[in-house]
Amino acid sequence: MLAAVIHALAGLFAVMNPIGNVPIFLSLTGGSTAAERRATARRAVLASFAILAAFLVLGHFIFELFGITVAAFRVAGGILIFGIASNLLRAQPSHAHTPREEEHAESLARDDVAVTPLATPIIAGPGAIATVMALSGGPHLLVDSSAVFIAMLLVLVGTYVILHYAGSIGERLSTTEMNVITRLMGLLLAVIAVQMAASGLEAMFPAWTHA
């Protein structure tokens, strides 16, 4: 159980990359007071929890509804997450969970950016959703889902704390330091993505590993 929690915790923290999202958060809340930023961060984290919890609970039913195997989803999820990781390794934003320029400009004109784009796609984007569904769909459904739920709570609490102090973090960390952290998250995420895809391929083609 503990190993599953740690594995899910590392994967979710890397794919959400809350420290790397600090500049985006500050940009989106540029005209807000400190109290308004904290309120926005709180709403964004609560919305992210609702999104991820929904996919955690409904993931198994979605698989059954569309006839999707967990193995196939892990391969697809691994490919998607590896694409995000490759961008993080180059310290570049991934459009899978970062708004494009036109979306970012549109967001700046909104009164509330907590749900879109902060909650989705920035915090609870496709990569985070894929990670939650893939890791919770193991052979021990209850244990795996519980481990992912605990990890999800811990990462979201950490995300709120980081966004709560985003102003101070933005002042203390230089662009170079932000890029170093982003690249480390990308490396960790790439390893997790490869392992996720490999486990899916092993389940789909067991003869390959036992040949």
Protein backbone atom coordinates (compact mmCIF):
# COMPACT_ATOMS: atom_id res chain seq x y z
CA MET A 1 0.00 0.00 0.00
CA LEU A 2 2.75 2.43 0.99
CA ALA A 3 4.72 1.65 -2.16
CA ALA A 4 1.61 2.25 -4.28
CA VAL A 5 0.98 5.60 -2.56
CA ILE A 6 4.59 6.71 -3.10
CA HIS A 7 4.48 5.64 -6.75
CA ALA A 8 1.21 7.49 -7.36
CA LEU A 9 2.45 10.50 -5.38
CA ALA A 10 5.58 10.80 -7.51
CA GLY A 11 3.65 10.42 -10.75
CA LEU A 12 0.92 12.92 -9.91
CA PHE A 13 3.32 15.51 -8.49
CA ALA A 14 5.51 15.28 -11.58
CA VAL A 15 2.65 15.51 -14.08
CA MET A 16 0.90 18.36 -12.22
CA ASN A 17 4.23 20.15 -11.65
CA PRO A 18 2.79 22.74 -9.21
CA ILE A 19 6.10 24.60 -8.83
CA GLY A 20 6.44 24.95 -12.59
CA ASN A 21 2.89 26.31 -12.74
CA VAL A 22 3.69 29.21 -10.38
CA PRO A 23 4.56 31.66 -13.21
CA ILE A 24 1.33 30.77 -15.05
CA PHE A 25 -0.71 31.25 -11.87
CA LEU A 26 0.90 34.62 -11.19
CA SER A 27 0.27 35.70 -14.78
CA LEU A 28 -3.41 34.69 -14.68
CA THR A 29 -3.95 36.45 -11.33
CA GLY A 30 -1.77 39.45 -12.07
CA GLY A 31 -4.38 42.05 -11.14
CA SER A 32 -5.54 40.29 -7.97
CA THR A 33 -4.74 41.00 -4.34
CA ALA A 34 -3.05 38.38 -2.16
CA ALA A 35 -6.40 37.43 -0.62
CA GLU A 36 -8.00 37.07 -4.06
CA ARG A 37 -5.12 34.89 -5.23
CA ARG A 38 -5.55 32.60 -2.24
CA ALA A 39 -9.29 32.33 -2.92
CA THR A 40 -8.61 31.55 -6.58
CA ALA A 41 -6.07 28.89 -5.61
CA ARG A 42 -8.55 27.32 -3.19
CA ARG A 43 -11.33 27.16 -5.81
CA ALA A 44 -8.94 25.79 -8.43
CA VAL A 45 -7.73 23.01 -6.13
CA LEU A 46 -11.28 22.08 -5.08
CA ALA A 47 -12.38 21.95 -8.73
CA SER A 48 -9.31 19.84 -9.57
CA PHE A 49 -10.20 17.44 -6.75
CA ALA A 50 -13.75 17.08 -8.11
CA ILE A 51 -12.46 16.38 -11.63
CA LEU A 52 -9.84 13.82 -10.60
CA ALA A 53 -12.13 12.15 -8.05
CA ALA A 54 -14.81 11.75 -10.72
CA PHE A 55 -12.40 9.96 -13.07
CA LEU A 56 -11.01 7.90 -10.18
CA VAL A 57 -14.50 6.66 -9.27
CA LEU A 58 -15.87 6.35 -12.80
CA GLY A 59 -12.69 5.14 -14.50
CA HIS A 60 -13.53 1.44 -14.07
CA PHE A 61 -17.04 1.98 -15.48
CA ILE A 62 -15.65 3.99 -18.40
CA PHE A 63 -13.33 1.09 -19.25
CA GLU A 64 -16.24 -1.35 -19.21
CA LEU A 65 -18.56 0.96 -21.14
CA PHE A 66 -16.16 1.42 -24.06
CA GLY A 67 -14.58 -2.03 -23.84
CA ILE A 68 -11.17 -0.59 -22.94
CA THR A 69 -8.66 -2.75 -21.12
CA VAL A 70 -6.49 -1.32 -18.37
CA ALA A 71 -3.43 -2.54 -20.26
CA ALA A 72 -4.37 -0.61 -23.41
CA PHE A 73 -5.09 2.51 -21.38
CA ARG A 74 -1.72 2.24 -19.64
CA VAL A 75 0.07 2.08 -22.99
CA ALA A 76 -1.88 5.10 -24.30
CA GLY A 77 -1.44 6.94 -20.99
CA GLY A 78 2.28 6.21 -20.99
CA ILE A 79 2.63 7.67 -24.50
CA LEU A 80 0.63 10.79 -23.55
CA ILE A 81 2.57 11.32 -20.32
CA PHE A 82 5.91 10.74 -22.06
CA GLY A 83 5.00 13.52 -24.50
CA ILE A 84 4.40 15.86 -21.55
CA ALA A 85 7.65 14.70 -19.95
CA SER A 86 9.65 15.41 -23.11
CA ASN A 87 8.44 19.02 -23.03
CA LEU A 88 9.28 19.35 -19.35
CA LEU A 89 12.79 17.99 -20.00
CA ARG A 90 13.28 20.89 -22.41
CA ALA A 91 11.71 23.27 -19.86
CA GLN A 92 8.92 23.97 -22.33
CA PRO A 93 5.20 24.05 -21.47
CA SER A 94 3.09 21.16 -22.71
CA HIS A 95 -0.11 22.16 -24.51
CA ALA A 96 -1.75 19.06 -22.99
CA HIS A 97 -2.02 20.89 -19.66
CA THR A 98 -0.94 24.45 -20.45
CA PRO A 99 -3.18 26.91 -22.31
CA ARG A 100 -2.10 28.05 -25.74
CA GLU A 101 -1.38 31.75 -26.31
CA GLU A 102 -4.89 32.52 -27.56
CA GLU A 103 -6.44 30.56 -24.67
CA HIS A 104 -4.19 32.35 -22.19
CA ALA A 105 -5.18 35.75 -23.60
CA GLU A 106 -8.86 34.81 -23.39
CA SER A 107 -8.38 33.66 -19.77
CA LEU A 108 -6.93 37.02 -18.76
CA ALA A 109 -10.21 38.67 -19.78
CA ARG A 110 -12.28 36.44 -17.48
CA ASP A 111 -13.36 37.43 -14.00
CA ASP A 112 -12.65 33.95 -12.58
CA VAL A 113 -9.87 31.71 -13.88
CA ALA A 114 -10.13 29.11 -11.09
CA VAL A 115 -11.95 26.40 -13.03
CA THR A 116 -10.67 27.19 -16.51
CA PRO A 117 -7.80 27.24 -17.16
CA LEU A 118 -6.36 26.69 -13.64
CA ALA A 119 -8.25 23.56 -12.55
CA THR A 120 -8.37 22.21 -16.09
CA PRO A 121 -6.20 21.89 -18.06
CA ILE A 122 -3.36 23.24 -15.87
CA ILE A 123 -3.76 21.23 -12.62
CA ALA A 124 -6.15 18.40 -13.53
CA GLY A 125 -5.27 18.11 -17.20
CA PRO A 126 -5.22 15.07 -19.51
CA GLY A 127 -1.91 13.88 -18.08
CA ALA A 128 -3.17 13.92 -14.48
CA ILE A 129 -6.44 12.25 -15.49
CA ALA A 130 -4.59 9.54 -17.43
CA THR A 131 -2.27 8.95 -14.46
CA VAL A 132 -5.17 8.64 -12.02
CA MET A 133 -7.10 6.22 -14.22
CA ALA A 134 -4.10 4.10 -15.20
CA LEU A 135 -2.69 3.72 -11.68
CA SER A 136 -6.08 2.98 -10.09
CA GLY A 137 -6.93 0.28 -12.61
CA GLY A 138 -4.56 -2.38 -11.29
CA PRO A 139 -5.41 -5.96 -10.28
CA HIS A 140 -6.25 -4.86 -6.72
CA LEU A 141 -8.89 -2.25 -7.52
CA LEU A 142 -9.72 -1.17 -3.96
CA VAL A 143 -6.11 -0.96 -2.77
CA ASP A 144 -4.89 0.75 -5.95
CA SER A 145 -7.76 3.24 -5.94
CA SER A 146 -7.22 4.02 -2.26
CA ALA A 147 -3.51 4.59 -2.85
CA VAL A 148 -4.21 6.93 -5.77
CA PHE A 149 -6.84 8.80 -3.73
CA ILE A 150 -4.41 9.38 -0.84
CA ALA A 151 -1.67 10.50 -3.25
CA MET A 152 -4.13 12.77 -5.05
CA LEU A 153 -5.12 14.45 -1.79
CA LEU A 154 -1.49 14.98 -0.77
CA VAL A 155 -0.52 16.45 -4.13
CA LEU A 156 -3.53 18.77 -4.23
CA VAL A 157 -2.85 19.98 -0.67
CA GLY A 158 0.77 20.59 -1.69
CA THR A 159 -0.43 22.40 -4.82
CA TYR A 160 -2.63 24.69 -2.75
CA VAL A 161 0.24 25.49 -0.38
CA ILE A 162 2.53 26.28 -3.32
CA LEU A 163 -0.07 28.49 -5.03
CA HIS A 164 -0.89 30.11 -1.67
CA TYR A 165 2.72 31.29 -1.48
CA ALA A 166 3.16 31.73 -5.23
CA GLY A 167 4.13 35.39 -4.87
CA SER A 168 6.97 34.61 -2.49
CA ILE A 169 8.10 31.60 -4.54
CA GLY A 170 8.09 33.66 -7.73
CA GLU A 171 10.28 36.29 -6.08
CA ARG A 172 12.79 33.80 -4.65
CA LEU A 173 13.21 31.38 -7.56
CA SER A 174 14.90 32.59 -10.71
CA THR A 175 13.93 31.40 -14.19
CA THR A 176 16.96 29.10 -14.24
CA GLU A 177 15.98 27.51 -10.93
CA MET A 178 12.40 27.05 -12.17
CA ASN A 179 13.73 25.36 -15.30
CA VAL A 180 15.94 23.01 -13.26
CA ILE A 181 12.94 21.92 -11.17
CA THR A 182 10.84 21.50 -14.32
CA ARG A 183 13.52 19.31 -15.96
CA LEU A 184 13.80 17.13 -12.86
CA MET A 185 10.02 16.66 -12.88
CA GLY A 186 10.25 15.81 -16.58
CA LEU A 187 12.91 13.15 -15.97
CA LEU A 188 10.88 11.55 -13.20
CA LEU A 189 7.74 11.68 -15.32
CA ALA A 190 9.50 10.12 -18.33
CA VAL A 191 10.58 7.12 -16.23
CA ILE A 192 7.05 6.69 -14.86
CA ALA A 193 5.59 6.95 -18.38
CA VAL A 194 7.93 4.28 -19.74
CA GLN A 195 7.17 1.97 -16.82
CA MET A 196 3.43 2.55 -17.28
CA ALA A 197 3.57 1.73 -20.99
CA ALA A 198 5.84 -1.28 -20.37
CA SER A 199 3.46 -2.76 -17.80
CA GLY A 200 0.59 -2.30 -20.26
CA LEU A 201 2.52 -4.00 -23.08
CA GLU A 202 3.48 -6.84 -20.75
CA ALA A 203 -0.18 -7.47 -19.92
CA MET A 204 -1.23 -7.24 -23.57
CA PHE A 205 1.57 -9.41 -24.95
CA PRO A 206 2.72 -11.74 -22.13
CA ALA A 207 4.56 -13.97 -24.62
CA TRP A 208 7.06 -11.15 -25.24
CA THR A 209 8.28 -11.13 -21.66
CA HIS A 210 8.23 -14.90 -21.18
CA ALA A 211 9.82 -15.86 -24.49
